Amino acid sequence: EMKNPDKLFSEIEKIDFIKCDVEGYESEVFSNMQTLLKKHKPLVQSELSGIENRKKVIEIFENLGYLTYVLRNGVLEKVNKEVIDSINTDFYFKMKS
């Protein structure tokens, strides 16, 4: 059963980190998590299946003021949009400082 994340987590006082692995439904989940993301500005980790899904999710986060990263050797590295289709690891979204 699917539930709206904004409603499901609405009573949580503080969210610092979200890990999302929903097998290709990330754009649906994050598009229904706008209120939570705006309020808490958590660091988000997600596997992003499919190029169109990736582009949609990255656009969702960019519109909220987030930057896109990958973790390499224990360090978050900013992702260049030209290489997003070649990345085979989780993506991280962090609010601009």
PDB file of N, CA and C in Angstrom:
ATOM      1  N   GLU A   1       0.840  -1.186   0.000  1.00  0.00           N
ATOM      2  CA  GLU A   1       0.000   0.000   0.000  1.00  0.00           C
ATOM      3  C   GLU A   1       0.880   1.243   0.000  1.00  0.00           C
ATOM      4  N   MET A   2       0.615   2.141  -0.930  1.00  0.00           N
ATOM      5  CA  MET A   2       1.382   3.382  -1.008  1.00  0.00           C
ATOM      6  C   MET A   2       0.742   4.436  -0.121  1.00  0.00           C
ATOM      7  N   LYS A   3       1.591   5.216   0.520  1.00  0.00           N
ATOM      8  CA  LYS A   3       1.125   6.317   1.365  1.00  0.00           C
ATOM      9  C   LYS A   3       1.869   7.582   0.972  1.00  0.00           C
ATOM     10  N   ASN A   4       1.227   8.714   1.126  1.00  0.00           N
ATOM     11  CA  ASN A   4       1.833  10.000   0.810  1.00  0.00           C
ATOM     12  C   ASN A   4       2.862  10.339   1.883  1.00  0.00           C
ATOM     13  N   PRO A   5       4.150  10.513   1.502  1.00  0.00           N
ATOM     14  CA  PRO A   5       5.188  10.783   2.500  1.00  0.00           C
ATOM     15  C   PRO A   5       4.951  12.068   3.295  1.00  0.00           C
ATOM     16  N   ASP A   6       4.431  13.111   2.641  1.00  0.00           N
ATOM     17  CA  ASP A   6       4.166  14.356   3.372  1.00  0.00           C
ATOM     18  C   ASP A   6       3.168  14.124   4.496  1.00  0.00           C
ATOM     19  N   LYS A   7       2.186  13.283   4.264  1.00  0.00           N
ATOM     20  CA  LYS A   7       1.193  12.972   5.301  1.00  0.00           C
ATOM     21  C   LYS A   7       1.733  11.967   6.304  1.00  0.00           C
ATOM     22  N   LEU A   8       2.409  10.948   5.801  1.00  0.00           N
ATOM     23  CA  LEU A   8       2.926   9.872   6.647  1.00  0.00           C
ATOM     24  C   LEU A   8       3.900  10.383   7.711  1.00  0.00           C
ATOM     25  N   PHE A   9       4.750  11.333   7.338  1.00  0.00           N
ATOM     26  CA  PHE A   9       5.790  11.826   8.253  1.00  0.00           C
ATOM     27  C   PHE A   9       5.507  13.226   8.790  1.00  0.00           C
ATOM     28  N   SER A  10       4.301  13.699   8.656  1.00  0.00           N
ATOM     29  CA  SER A  10       3.967  15.086   9.002  1.00  0.00           C
ATOM     30  C   SER A  10       4.160  15.431  10.477  1.00  0.00           C
ATOM     31  N   GLU A  11       4.074  14.465  11.358  1.00  0.00           N
ATOM     32  CA  GLU A  11       4.170  14.755  12.790  1.00  0.00           C
ATOM     33  C   GLU A  11       5.578  14.592  13.356  1.00  0.00           C
ATOM     34  N   ILE A  12       6.523  14.218  12.524  1.00  0.00           N
ATOM     35  CA  ILE A  12       7.905  14.097  12.985  1.00  0.00           C
ATOM     36  C   ILE A  12       8.494  15.498  13.108  1.00  0.00           C
ATOM     37  N   GLU A  13       9.114  15.767  14.253  1.00  0.00           N
ATOM     38  CA  GLU A  13       9.627  17.115  14.536  1.00  0.00           C
ATOM     39  C   GLU A  13      10.860  17.483  13.728  1.00  0.00           C
ATOM     40  N   LYS A  14      11.783  16.544  13.528  1.00  0.00           N
ATOM     41  CA  LYS A  14      13.019  16.866  12.815  1.00  0.00           C
ATOM     42  C   LYS A  14      13.475  15.645  12.026  1.00  0.00           C
ATOM     43  N   ILE A  15      13.768  15.858  10.754  1.00  0.00           N
ATOM     44  CA  ILE A  15      14.299  14.804   9.893  1.00  0.00           C
ATOM     45  C   ILE A  15      15.596  15.329   9.294  1.00  0.00           C
ATOM     46  N   ASP A  16      16.696  14.631   9.563  1.00  0.00           N
ATOM     47  CA  ASP A  16      18.015  15.044   9.081  1.00  0.00           C
ATOM     48  C   ASP A  16      18.481  14.255   7.859  1.00  0.00           C
ATOM     49  N   PHE A  17      17.990  13.020   7.717  1.00  0.00           N
ATOM     50  CA  PHE A  17      18.489  12.137   6.673  1.00  0.00           C
ATOM     51  C   PHE A  17      17.363  11.251   6.175  1.00  0.00           C
ATOM     52  N   ILE A  18      17.293  11.076   4.855  1.00  0.00           N
ATOM     53  CA  ILE A  18      16.316  10.170   4.244  1.00  0.00           C
ATOM     54  C   ILE A  18      17.061   9.268   3.279  1.00  0.00           C
ATOM     55  N   LYS A  19      16.815   7.958   3.375  1.00  0.00           N
ATOM     56  CA  LYS A  19      17.315   7.001   2.383  1.00  0.00           C
ATOM     57  C   LYS A  19      16.097   6.429   1.691  1.00  0.00           C
ATOM     58  N   CYS A  20      16.100   6.501   0.370  1.00  0.00           N
ATOM     59  CA  CYS A  20      14.944   6.066  -0.405  1.00  0.00           C
ATOM     60  C   CYS A  20      15.381   5.072  -1.474  1.00  0.00           C
ATOM     61  N   ASP A  21      14.801   3.873  -1.445  1.00  0.00           N
ATOM     62  CA  ASP A  21      15.058   2.848  -2.449  1.00  0.00           C
ATOM     63  C   ASP A  21      13.711   2.240  -2.817  1.00  0.00           C
ATOM     64  N   VAL A  22      13.099   2.765  -3.858  1.00  0.00           N
ATOM     65  CA  VAL A  22      11.746   2.339  -4.226  1.00  0.00           C
ATOM     66  C   VAL A  22      11.672   1.838  -5.668  1.00  0.00           C
ATOM     67  N   GLU A  23      12.806   1.349  -6.191  1.00  0.00           N
ATOM     68  CA  GLU A  23      12.847   0.652  -7.472  1.00  0.00           C
ATOM     69  C   GLU A  23      12.151   1.381  -8.622  1.00  0.00           C
ATOM     70  N   GLY A  24      12.590   2.608  -8.882  1.00  0.00           N
ATOM     71  CA  GLY A  24      12.089   3.335 -10.038  1.00  0.00           C
ATOM     72  C   GLY A  24      10.931   4.274  -9.779  1.00  0.00           C
ATOM     73  N   TYR A  25      10.431   4.300  -8.558  1.00  0.00           N
ATOM     74  CA  TYR A  25       9.312   5.184  -8.216  1.00  0.00           C
ATOM     75  C   TYR A  25       9.768   6.435  -7.461  1.00  0.00           C
ATOM     76  N   GLU A  26      11.054   6.715  -7.515  1.00  0.00           N
ATOM     77  CA  GLU A  26      11.590   7.849  -6.757  1.00  0.00           C
ATOM     78  C   GLU A  26      10.943   9.173  -7.141  1.00  0.00           C
ATOM     79  N   SER A  27      10.709   9.394  -8.424  1.00  0.00           N
ATOM     80  CA  SER A  27      10.109  10.674  -8.829  1.00  0.00           C
ATOM     81  C   SER A  27       8.712  10.827  -8.234  1.00  0.00           C
ATOM     82  N   GLU A  28       7.970   9.743  -8.123  1.00  0.00           N
ATOM     83  CA  GLU A  28       6.640   9.791  -7.498  1.00  0.00           C
ATOM     84  C   GLU A  28       6.750  10.088  -6.006  1.00  0.00           C
ATOM     85  N   VAL A  29       7.667   9.411  -5.349  1.00  0.00           N
ATOM     86  CA  VAL A  29       7.842   9.610  -3.904  1.00  0.00           C
ATOM     87  C   VAL A  29       8.273  11.045  -3.605  1.00  0.00           C
ATOM     88  N   PHE A  30       9.312  11.523  -4.292  1.00  0.00           N
ATOM     89  CA  PHE A  30       9.836  12.848  -3.982  1.00  0.00           C
ATOM     90  C   PHE A  30       8.895  13.973  -4.419  1.00  0.00           C
ATOM     91  N   SER A  31       8.107  13.740  -5.455  1.00  0.00           N
ATOM     92  CA  SER A  31       7.147  14.773  -5.839  1.00  0.00           C
ATOM     93  C   SER A  31       6.028  14.897  -4.809  1.00  0.00           C
ATOM     94  N   ASN A  32       5.836  13.869  -4.004  1.00  0.00           N
ATOM     95  CA  ASN A  32       4.843  13.897  -2.926  1.00  0.00           C
ATOM     96  C   ASN A  32       5.482  14.111  -1.562  1.00  0.00           C
ATOM     97  N   MET A  33       6.710  14.615  -1.559  1.00  0.00           N
ATOM     98  CA  MET A  33       7.443  14.857  -0.329  1.00  0.00           C
ATOM     99  C   MET A  33       7.916  16.314  -0.255  1.00  0.00           C
ATOM    100  N   GLN A  34       7.334  17.188  -1.049  1.00  0.00           N
ATOM    101  CA  GLN A  34       7.771  18.582  -1.150  1.00  0.00           C
ATOM    102  C   GLN A  34       7.724  19.315   0.198  1.00  0.00           C
ATOM    103  N   THR A  35       6.629  19.186   0.911  1.00  0.00           N
ATOM    104  CA  THR A  35       6.478  19.893   2.190  1.00  0.00           C
ATOM    105  C   THR A  35       7.545  19.459   3.179  1.00  0.00           C
ATOM    106  N   LEU A  36       7.748  18.167   3.285  1.00  0.00           N
ATOM    107  CA  LEU A  36       8.751  17.619   4.203  1.00  0.00           C
ATOM    108  C   LEU A  36      10.148  18.101   3.837  1.00  0.00           C
ATOM    109  N   LEU A  37      10.485  18.059   2.554  1.00  0.00           N
ATOM    110  CA  LEU A  37      11.816  18.486   2.112  1.00  0.00           C
ATOM    111  C   LEU A  37      12.048  19.970   2.353  1.00  0.00           C
ATOM    112  N   LYS A  38      11.037  20.785   2.101  1.00  0.00           N
ATOM    113  CA  LYS A  38      11.161  22.230   2.337  1.00  0.00           C
ATOM    114  C   LYS A  38      11.307  22.542   3.822  1.00  0.00           C
ATOM    115  N   LYS A  39      10.571  21.839   4.646  1.00  0.00           N
ATOM    116  CA  LYS A  39      10.578  22.100   6.093  1.00  0.00           C
ATOM    117  C   LYS A  39      11.873  21.640   6.762  1.00  0.00           C
ATOM    118  N   HIS A  40      12.294  20.409   6.482  1.00  0.00           N
ATOM    119  CA  HIS A  40      13.415  19.807   7.222  1.00  0.00           C
ATOM    120  C   HIS A  40      14.763  19.932   6.526  1.00  0.00           C
ATOM    121  N   LYS A  41      14.765  20.074   5.201  1.00  0.00           N
ATOM    122  CA  LYS A  41      15.998  20.178   4.414  1.00  0.00           C
ATOM    123  C   LYS A  41      16.995  19.051   4.726  1.00  0.00           C
ATOM    124  N   PRO A  42      16.521  17.810   4.720  1.00  0.00           N
ATOM    125  CA  PRO A  42      17.416  16.698   5.070  1.00  0.00           C
ATOM    126  C   PRO A  42      18.396  16.367   3.948  1.00  0.00           C
ATOM    127  N   LEU A  43      19.457  15.688   4.302  1.00  0.00           N
ATOM    128  CA  LEU A  43      20.332  15.057   3.328  1.00  0.00           C
ATOM    129  C   LEU A  43      19.567  13.833   2.838  1.00  0.00           C
ATOM    130  N   VAL A  44      19.534  13.622   1.525  1.00  0.00           N
ATOM    131  CA  VAL A  44      18.764  12.513   0.963  1.00  0.00           C
ATOM    132  C   VAL A  44      19.682  11.617   0.151  1.00  0.00           C
ATOM    133  N   GLN A  45      19.580  10.313   0.383  1.00  0.00           N
ATOM    134  CA  GLN A  45      20.322   9.311  -0.373  1.00  0.00           C
ATOM    135  C   GLN A  45      19.313   8.459  -1.135  1.00  0.00           C
ATOM    136  N   SER A  46      19.558   8.256  -2.423  1.00  0.00           N
ATOM    137  CA  SER A  46      18.624   7.453  -3.197  1.00  0.00           C
ATOM    138  C   SER A  46      19.292   6.820  -4.398  1.00  0.00           C
ATOM    139  N   GLU A  47      18.931   5.572  -4.646  1.00  0.00           N
ATOM    140  CA  GLU A  47      19.262   4.933  -5.907  1.00  0.00           C
ATOM    141  C   GLU A  47      18.245   5.469  -6.906  1.00  0.00           C
ATOM    142  N   LEU A  48      18.663   5.821  -8.090  1.00  0.00           N
ATOM    143  CA  LEU A  48      17.739   6.367  -9.088  1.00  0.00           C
ATOM    144  C   LEU A  48      17.775   5.521 -10.348  1.00  0.00           C
ATOM    145  N   SER A  49      16.788   4.667 -10.481  1.00  0.00           N
ATOM    146  CA  SER A  49      16.693   3.782 -11.642  1.00  0.00           C
ATOM    147  C   SER A  49      16.117   4.531 -12.834  1.00  0.00           C
ATOM    148  N   GLY A  50      16.688   4.309 -14.011  1.00  0.00           N
ATOM    149  CA  GLY A  50      16.169   4.883 -15.246  1.00  0.00           C
ATOM    150  C   GLY A  50      16.545   6.337 -15.442  1.00  0.00           C
ATOM    151  N   ILE A  51      16.925   6.677 -16.653  1.00  0.00           N
ATOM    152  CA  ILE A  51      17.402   8.031 -16.964  1.00  0.00           C
ATOM    153  C   ILE A  51      16.299   9.068 -16.788  1.00  0.00           C
ATOM    154  N   GLU A  52      15.093   8.789 -17.281  1.00  0.00           N
ATOM    155  CA  GLU A  52      14.002   9.764 -17.142  1.00  0.00           C
ATOM    156  C   GLU A  52      13.663   9.995 -15.682  1.00  0.00           C
ATOM    157  N   ASN A  53      13.634   8.930 -14.892  1.00  0.00           N
ATOM    158  CA  ASN A  53      13.383   9.043 -13.457  1.00  0.00           C
ATOM    159  C   ASN A  53      14.472   9.892 -12.801  1.00  0.00           C
ATOM    160  N   ARG A  54      15.727   9.634 -13.151  1.00  0.00           N
ATOM    161  CA  ARG A  54      16.847  10.407 -12.605  1.00  0.00           C
ATOM    162  C   ARG A  54      16.676  11.893 -12.888  1.00  0.00           C
ATOM    163  N   LYS A  55      16.377  12.203 -14.162  1.00  0.00           N
ATOM    164  CA  LYS A  55      16.233  13.603 -14.552  1.00  0.00           C
ATOM    165  C   LYS A  55      15.098  14.272 -13.785  1.00  0.00           C
ATOM    166  N   LYS A  56      13.983  13.576 -13.622  1.00  0.00           N
ATOM    167  CA  LYS A  56      12.837  14.129 -12.885  1.00  0.00           C
ATOM    168  C   LYS A  56      13.199  14.383 -11.429  1.00  0.00           C
ATOM    169  N   VAL A  57      13.863  13.414 -10.808  1.00  0.00           N
ATOM    170  CA  VAL A  57      14.223  13.554  -9.392  1.00  0.00           C
ATOM    171  C   VAL A  57      15.220  14.692  -9.202  1.00  0.00           C
ATOM    172  N   ILE A  58      16.229  14.750 -10.037  1.00  0.00           N
ATOM    173  CA  ILE A  58      17.220  15.824  -9.933  1.00  0.00           C
ATOM    174  C   ILE A  58      16.549  17.181 -10.117  1.00  0.00           C
ATOM    175  N   GLU A  59      15.623  17.273 -11.040  1.00  0.00           N
ATOM    176  CA  GLU A  59      14.891  18.525 -11.244  1.00  0.00           C
ATOM    177  C   GLU A  59      14.054  18.893 -10.018  1.00  0.00           C
ATOM    178  N   ILE A  60      13.417  17.912  -9.412  1.00  0.00           N
ATOM    179  CA  ILE A  60      12.640  18.160  -8.189  1.00  0.00           C
ATOM    180  C   ILE A  60      13.538  18.771  -7.125  1.00  0.00           C
ATOM    181  N   PHE A  61      14.699  18.154  -6.919  1.00  0.00           N
ATOM    182  CA  PHE A  61      15.604  18.642  -5.876  1.00  0.00           C
ATOM    183  C   PHE A  61      16.216  19.993  -6.239  1.00  0.00           C
ATOM    184  N   GLU A  62      16.591  20.185  -7.472  1.00  0.00           N
ATOM    185  CA  GLU A  62      17.148  21.485  -7.877  1.00  0.00           C
ATOM    186  C   GLU A  62      16.137  22.606  -7.657  1.00  0.00           C
ATOM    187  N   ASN A  63      14.868  22.342  -7.962  1.00  0.00           N
ATOM    188  CA  ASN A  63      13.820  23.350  -7.754  1.00  0.00           C
ATOM    189  C   ASN A  63      13.623  23.693  -6.280  1.00  0.00           C
ATOM    190  N   LEU A  64      14.055  22.797  -5.402  1.00  0.00           N
ATOM    191  CA  LEU A  64      13.972  23.043  -3.959  1.00  0.00           C
ATOM    192  C   LEU A  64      15.251  23.649  -3.393  1.00  0.00           C
ATOM    193  N   GLY A  65      16.266  23.840  -4.237  1.00  0.00           N
ATOM    194  CA  GLY A  65      17.521  24.425  -3.777  1.00  0.00           C
ATOM    195  C   GLY A  65      18.571  23.418  -3.354  1.00  0.00           C
ATOM    196  N   TYR A  66      18.421  22.187  -3.773  1.00  0.00           N
ATOM    197  CA  TYR A  66      19.388  21.140  -3.451  1.00  0.00           C
ATOM    198  C   TYR A  66      20.432  21.017  -4.568  1.00  0.00           C
ATOM    199  N   LEU A  67      21.595  20.496  -4.200  1.00  0.00           N
ATOM    200  CA  LEU A  67      22.640  20.135  -5.151  1.00  0.00           C
ATOM    201  C   LEU A  67      22.745  18.609  -5.179  1.00  0.00           C
ATOM    202  N   THR A  68      23.225  18.064  -6.291  1.00  0.00           N
ATOM    203  CA  THR A  68      23.319  16.616  -6.480  1.00  0.00           C
ATOM    204  C   THR A  68      24.759  16.158  -6.327  1.00  0.00           C
ATOM    205  N   TYR A  69      24.934  15.068  -5.577  1.00  0.00           N
ATOM    206  CA  TYR A  69      26.259  14.530  -5.282  1.00  0.00           C
ATOM    207  C   TYR A  69      26.275  13.012  -5.435  1.00  0.00           C
ATOM    208  N   VAL A  70      27.479  12.460  -5.492  1.00  0.00           N
ATOM    209  CA  VAL A  70      27.722  11.032  -5.315  1.00  0.00           C
ATOM    210  C   VAL A  70      28.817  10.902  -4.258  1.00  0.00           C
ATOM    211  N   LEU A  71      28.879   9.745  -3.637  1.00  0.00           N
ATOM    212  CA  LEU A  71      29.889   9.490  -2.615  1.00  0.00           C
ATOM    213  C   LEU A  71      31.052   8.739  -3.251  1.00  0.00           C
ATOM    214  N   ARG A  72      32.250   9.364  -3.215  1.00  0.00           N
ATOM    215  CA  ARG A  72      33.455   8.739  -3.751  1.00  0.00           C
ATOM    216  C   ARG A  72      34.550   8.811  -2.693  1.00  0.00           C
ATOM    217  N   ASN A  73      35.057   7.644  -2.337  1.00  0.00           N
ATOM    218  CA  ASN A  73      36.121   7.557  -1.331  1.00  0.00           C
ATOM    219  C   ASN A  73      35.747   8.288  -0.044  1.00  0.00           C
ATOM    220  N   GLY A  74      34.491   8.150   0.368  1.00  0.00           N
ATOM    221  CA  GLY A  74      34.041   8.734   1.621  1.00  0.00           C
ATOM    222  C   GLY A  74      33.757  10.227   1.580  1.00  0.00           C
ATOM    223  N   VAL A  75      33.781  10.812   0.380  1.00  0.00           N
ATOM    224  CA  VAL A  75      33.566  12.255   0.233  1.00  0.00           C
ATOM    225  C   VAL A  75      32.439  12.501  -0.772  1.00  0.00           C
ATOM    226  N   LEU A  76      31.531  13.423  -0.433  1.00  0.00           N
ATOM    227  CA  LEU A  76      30.484  13.795  -1.372  1.00  0.00           C
ATOM    228  C   LEU A  76      31.073  14.680  -2.468  1.00  0.00           C
ATOM    229  N   GLU A  77      30.887  14.266  -3.727  1.00  0.00           N
ATOM    230  CA  GLU A  77      31.372  15.035  -4.877  1.00  0.00           C
ATOM    231  C   GLU A  77      30.183  15.495  -5.700  1.00  0.00           C
ATOM    232  N   LYS A  78      30.169  16.782  -6.053  1.00  0.00           N
ATOM    233  CA  LYS A  78      29.086  17.345  -6.844  1.00  0.00           C
ATOM    234  C   LYS A  78      29.049  16.665  -8.210  1.00  0.00           C
ATOM    235  N   VAL A  79      27.831  16.396  -8.692  1.00  0.00           N
ATOM    236  CA  VAL A  79      27.637  15.705  -9.962  1.00  0.00           C
ATOM    237  C   VAL A  79      27.439  16.710 -11.085  1.00  0.00           C
ATOM    238  N   ASN A  80      28.141  16.475 -12.169  1.00  0.00           N
ATOM    239  CA  ASN A  80      27.971  17.246 -13.384  1.00  0.00           C
ATOM    240  C   ASN A  80      26.812  16.610 -14.159  1.00  0.00           C
ATOM    241  N   LYS A  81      25.838  17.407 -14.584  1.00  0.00           N
ATOM    242  CA  LYS A  81      24.649  16.879 -15.262  1.00  0.00           C
ATOM    243  C   LYS A  81      24.975  16.042 -16.491  1.00  0.00           C
ATOM    244  N   GLU A  82      26.064  16.325 -17.145  1.00  0.00           N
ATOM    245  CA  GLU A  82      26.416  15.607 -18.364  1.00  0.00           C
ATOM    246  C   GLU A  82      26.750  14.137 -18.119  1.00  0.00           C
ATOM    247  N   VAL A  83      27.024  13.753 -16.883  1.00  0.00           N
ATOM    248  CA  VAL A  83      27.419  12.373 -16.608  1.00  0.00           C
ATOM    249  C   VAL A  83      26.403  11.593 -15.784  1.00  0.00           C
ATOM    250  N   ILE A  84      25.218  12.148 -15.545  1.00  0.00           N
ATOM    251  CA  ILE A  84      24.263  11.457 -14.666  1.00  0.00           C
ATOM    252  C   ILE A  84      23.837  10.096 -15.207  1.00  0.00           C
ATOM    253  N   ASP A  85      23.812   9.931 -16.528  1.00  0.00           N
ATOM    254  CA  ASP A  85      23.386   8.646 -17.083  1.00  0.00           C
ATOM    255  C   ASP A  85      24.437   7.555 -16.937  1.00  0.00           C
ATOM    256  N   SER A  86      25.659   7.925 -16.623  1.00  0.00           N
ATOM    257  CA  SER A  86      26.732   6.929 -16.486  1.00  0.00           C
ATOM    258  C   SER A  86      27.032   6.569 -15.028  1.00  0.00           C
ATOM    259  N   ILE A  87      26.304   7.135 -14.093  1.00  0.00           N
ATOM    260  CA  ILE A  87      26.561   6.878 -12.671  1.00  0.00           C
ATOM    261  C   ILE A  87      25.841   5.612 -12.229  1.00  0.00           C
ATOM    262  N   ASN A  88      26.578   4.729 -11.577  1.00  0.00           N
ATOM    263  CA  ASN A  88      26.020   3.456 -11.116  1.00  0.00           C
ATOM    264  C   ASN A  88      26.117   3.315  -9.610  1.00  0.00           C
ATOM    265  N   THR A  89      25.835   4.394  -8.916  1.00  0.00           N
ATOM    266  CA  THR A  89      25.866   4.382  -7.464  1.00  0.00           C
ATOM    267  C   THR A  89      24.742   5.272  -6.967  1.00  0.00           C
ATOM    268  N   ASP A  90      24.516   5.292  -5.666  1.00  0.00           N
ATOM    269  CA  ASP A  90      23.472   6.143  -5.101  1.00  0.00           C
ATOM    270  C   ASP A  90      23.780   7.617  -5.326  1.00  0.00           C
ATOM    271  N   PHE A  91      22.722   8.389  -5.425  1.00  0.00           N
ATOM    272  CA  PHE A  91      22.827   9.832  -5.505  1.00  0.00           C
ATOM    273  C   PHE A  91      22.517  10.419  -4.127  1.00  0.00           C
ATOM    274  N   TYR A  92      23.115  11.554  -3.840  1.00  0.00           N
ATOM    275  CA  TYR A  92      22.858  12.275  -2.588  1.00  0.00           C
ATOM    276  C   TYR A  92      22.404  13.671  -2.956  1.00  0.00           C
ATOM    277  N   PHE A  93      21.440  14.176  -2.217  1.00  0.00           N
ATOM    278  CA  PHE A  93      20.920  15.519  -2.439  1.00  0.00           C
ATOM    279  C   PHE A  93      21.093  16.296  -1.141  1.00  0.00           C
ATOM    280  N   LYS A  94      21.784  17.408  -1.266  1.00  0.00           N
ATOM    281  CA  LYS A  94      22.103  18.228  -0.099  1.00  0.00           C
ATOM    282  C   LYS A  94      21.716  19.679  -0.393  1.00  0.00           C
ATOM    283  N   MET A  95      21.032  20.307   0.560  1.00  0.00           N
ATOM    284  CA  MET A  95      20.611  21.683   0.411  1.00  0.00           C
ATOM    285  C   MET A  95      21.826  22.580   0.256  1.00  0.00           C
ATOM    286  N   LYS A  96      21.733  23.541  -0.676  1.00  0.00           N
ATOM    287  CA  LYS A  96      22.815  24.509  -0.839  1.00  0.00           C
ATOM    288  C   LYS A  96      23.061  25.225   0.479  1.00  0.00           C
ATOM    289  N   SER A  97      24.315  25.480   0.773  1.00  0.00           N
ATOM    290  CA  SER A  97      24.685  26.157   2.034  1.00  0.00           C
ATOM    291  C   SER A  97      24.402  27.633   1.973  1.00  0.00           C
TER     292      SER A  97
END
